[in-house]
Protein backbone atom coordinates (compact mmCIF):
# COMPACT_ATOMS: atom_id res chain seq x y z
CA UNK A 1 -20.42 -71.90 7.77
CA UNK A 2 -23.84 -73.37 7.08
CA UNK A 3 -26.68 -71.32 5.25
CA UNK A 4 -28.57 -70.36 8.38
CA UNK A 5 -25.45 -69.05 10.32
CA UNK A 6 -24.67 -67.08 6.84
CA UNK A 7 -27.89 -65.83 6.37
CA UNK A 8 -28.12 -64.49 10.40
CA UNK A 9 -24.76 -62.98 9.89
CA UNK A 10 -25.84 -61.23 6.98
CA UNK A 11 -28.97 -60.07 8.72
CA UNK A 12 -27.11 -58.63 11.73
CA UNK A 13 -24.60 -56.93 9.84
CA UNK A 14 -27.11 -55.40 7.42
CA UNK A 15 -29.20 -54.15 10.58
CA UNK A 16 -25.95 -52.82 12.28
CA UNK A 17 -24.87 -50.84 9.07
CA UNK A 18 -28.30 -49.20 8.70
CA UNK A 19 -28.31 -48.13 12.12
CA UNK A 20 -24.90 -46.73 11.99
CA UNK A 21 -25.54 -44.80 8.89
CA UNK A 22 -28.59 -43.49 10.25
CA UNK A 23 -26.64 -41.86 13.13
CA UNK A 24 -23.98 -40.27 11.60
CA UNK A 25 -23.01 -37.00 10.21
CA UNK A 26 -23.07 -33.38 11.55
CA UNK A 27 -24.69 -30.68 10.01
CA UNK A 28 -22.25 -27.71 10.40
CA UNK A 29 -18.37 -28.14 11.05
CA UNK A 30 -17.60 -28.18 14.50
CA UNK A 31 -14.98 -25.36 16.13
CA UNK A 32 -11.22 -25.41 15.01
CA UNK A 33 -9.06 -27.37 17.40
CA UNK A 34 -7.13 -24.27 18.32
CA UNK A 35 -5.49 -21.11 17.07
CA UNK A 36 -4.82 -21.08 13.46
CA UNK A 37 -6.28 -21.00 10.09
CA UNK A 38 -9.37 -22.93 9.04
CA UNK A 39 -9.66 -22.48 5.10
CA UNK A 40 -12.80 -23.37 3.11
CA UNK A 41 -11.87 -24.77 -0.35
CA UNK A 42 -13.67 -26.38 -3.09
CA UNK A 43 -12.96 -29.48 -5.03
CA UNK A 44 -12.44 -28.15 -8.87
CA UNK A 45 -14.07 -31.35 -10.36
CA UNK A 46 -17.09 -31.72 -8.07
CA UNK A 47 -17.10 -28.20 -6.59
CA UNK A 48 -17.62 -30.03 -3.13
CA UNK A 49 -16.42 -27.99 -0.19
CA UNK A 50 -13.92 -29.11 2.13
CA UNK A 51 -12.00 -27.53 5.06
CA UNK A 52 -8.22 -27.29 5.58
CA UNK A 53 -6.90 -26.34 9.00
CA UNK A 54 -3.48 -24.90 9.55
CA UNK A 55 -2.31 -24.38 12.95
CA UNK A 56 -0.72 -21.22 14.13
CA UNK A 57 2.71 -22.82 14.79
CA UNK A 58 2.95 -24.40 11.51
CA UNK A 59 6.06 -24.17 9.51
CA UNK A 60 6.98 -25.57 6.01
CA UNK A 61 10.62 -26.29 7.45
CA UNK A 62 8.98 -29.09 9.58
CA UNK A 63 7.35 -32.54 8.71
CA UNK A 64 3.71 -32.46 9.41
CA UNK A 65 1.50 -35.56 8.99
CA UNK A 66 -1.48 -35.62 6.71
CA UNK A 67 -4.79 -36.28 8.56
CA UNK A 68 -7.76 -36.84 6.34
CA UNK A 69 -11.45 -37.32 7.64
CA UNK A 70 -14.33 -38.23 5.31
CA UNK A 71 -17.88 -38.62 6.21
CA UNK A 72 -20.95 -38.58 4.09
């Protein structure tokens, strides 16, 4: 890749990332995906809040996937 192409690619990616960063984020958590418990907890080290959702049919005997969604 020559210098001119590299500069154009860098400029395009920088602009795209700036636009994406400016569009993101929700101010309040949305509704839970269904019946169950929505538990608010805080990280003990940084005191940042996070939400844990447990479906009403959750059972410790079954294997469940862990889904982590981060934004900020």
